[in-house]
Protein backbone atom coordinates (compact mmCIF):
# COMPACT_ATOMS: atom_id res chain seq x y z
CA MET A 1 -0.31 -0.34 0.21
CA GLU A 2 1.19 3.61 -0.76
CA ASN A 3 2.77 5.84 2.16
CA LEU A 4 -0.05 7.86 2.76
CA LYS A 5 2.28 10.77 4.42
CA ALA A 6 3.50 11.26 0.96
CA LEU A 7 0.38 11.63 -0.52
CA LYS A 8 -0.97 15.42 -0.95
CA ALA A 9 -5.05 16.12 -0.66
CA THR A 10 -6.15 18.49 -3.19
CA SER A 11 -9.40 19.43 -5.04
CA VAL A 12 -10.74 18.69 -8.89
CA ARG A 13 -13.75 20.13 -9.75
CA LEU A 14 -16.47 17.94 -11.49
CA ASP A 15 -19.13 19.00 -13.26
CA ASP A 16 -22.16 16.79 -11.43
CA GLU A 17 -22.16 13.71 -14.14
CA THR A 18 -19.05 13.07 -14.65
CA LEU A 19 -18.22 12.80 -11.29
CA GLU A 20 -21.91 10.69 -11.07
CA ARG A 21 -19.68 8.81 -14.02
CA VAL A 22 -16.59 8.55 -12.35
CA GLY A 23 -18.98 7.11 -8.85
CA GLN A 24 -20.05 5.03 -10.78
CA ILE A 25 -17.01 2.98 -12.38
CA ALA A 26 -15.71 3.04 -8.37
CA GLU A 27 -18.47 1.24 -7.36
CA ALA A 28 -18.06 -1.83 -10.04
CA MET A 29 -14.59 -1.30 -9.16
CA GLU A 30 -14.88 -1.53 -5.33
CA ARG A 31 -12.93 0.97 -4.97
CA PRO A 32 -13.09 4.41 -3.50
CA ARG A 33 -13.87 7.52 -6.05
CA VAL A 34 -10.77 9.46 -4.96
CA TRP A 35 -8.20 6.00 -5.81
CA LEU A 36 -10.20 5.77 -9.15
CA MET A 37 -9.45 9.73 -9.72
CA SER A 38 -5.52 9.25 -8.42
CA GLU A 39 -5.10 6.33 -10.85
CA ALA A 40 -6.76 8.22 -13.94
CA ILE A 41 -4.26 11.30 -13.07
CA LYS A 42 -1.48 8.93 -12.77
CA GLN A 43 -2.37 7.38 -16.38
CA TYR A 44 -2.15 10.65 -17.80
CA VAL A 45 0.94 11.87 -16.46
CA ALA A 46 2.84 9.21 -17.90
CA ARG A 47 1.14 9.31 -20.83
CA GLU A 48 2.04 12.70 -21.50
CA GLU A 49 5.53 12.51 -20.23
CA TRP A 50 5.98 9.57 -22.49
CA ALA A 51 4.40 11.08 -25.54
CA ALA A 52 6.25 14.28 -24.41
CA TYR A 53 9.53 12.13 -24.56
CA LYS A 54 8.88 10.43 -27.95
CA ILE A 55 8.24 14.20 -29.55
CA ASP A 56 11.54 14.95 -28.42
CA LYS A 57 13.30 11.81 -29.02
CA ALA A 58 11.47 12.99 -32.80
CA VAL A 59 12.51 15.82 -33.40
CA ASP A 60 16.51 15.44 -32.03
CA ALA A 61 16.02 12.44 -34.76
CA ALA A 62 15.65 14.74 -37.37
CA ASP A 63 17.40 17.86 -36.53
CA GLU A 64 19.70 14.66 -36.87
CA GLY A 65 19.28 13.95 -40.56
CA LYS A 66 17.20 10.87 -39.75
CA LEU A 67 14.66 11.11 -41.69
CA ILE A 68 12.11 8.25 -43.44
CA GLU A 69 11.19 8.83 -46.71
CA HIS A 70 7.13 8.82 -47.12
CA SER A 71 6.43 6.31 -49.00
CA THR A 72 8.38 3.49 -46.60
CA VAL A 73 6.28 4.80 -43.43
CA LYS A 74 3.46 4.42 -45.62
CA ALA A 75 3.74 0.65 -46.25
CA LYS A 76 4.90 -0.04 -43.43
CA TRP A 77 1.20 0.94 -42.03
CA GLU A 78 -0.79 -0.79 -44.50
CA ALA A 79 0.89 -3.34 -44.19
CA LYS A 80 -0.49 -3.47 -40.09
CA ARG A 81 -3.46 -2.23 -41.12
CA GLY A 82 -3.82 -4.90 -43.53
CA THR A 83 -2.09 -7.96 -40.43
CA GLN A 84 -5.04 -6.32 -38.88
CA LEU A 85 -7.56 -6.49 -40.76
CA ASP A 86 -7.36 -10.25 -41.74
């Protein structure tokens, strides 16, 4: 279990509908709403950090001239999409 002393309280303002939906999900998961909101924020932050890291890496690669031809990228994605449709 997380160290409760390390946690800080904060508040989030949500409209009634969103708060109700959060409550329904938390109830279905048999978790407190605060746990669900904390998890959602953690996942959001991790995803945004990952995206920023990948963007920085891509910009650095482009600055170094490490580029891929559009036709190569397009062929790769078309092949991937084709296997997912099978």
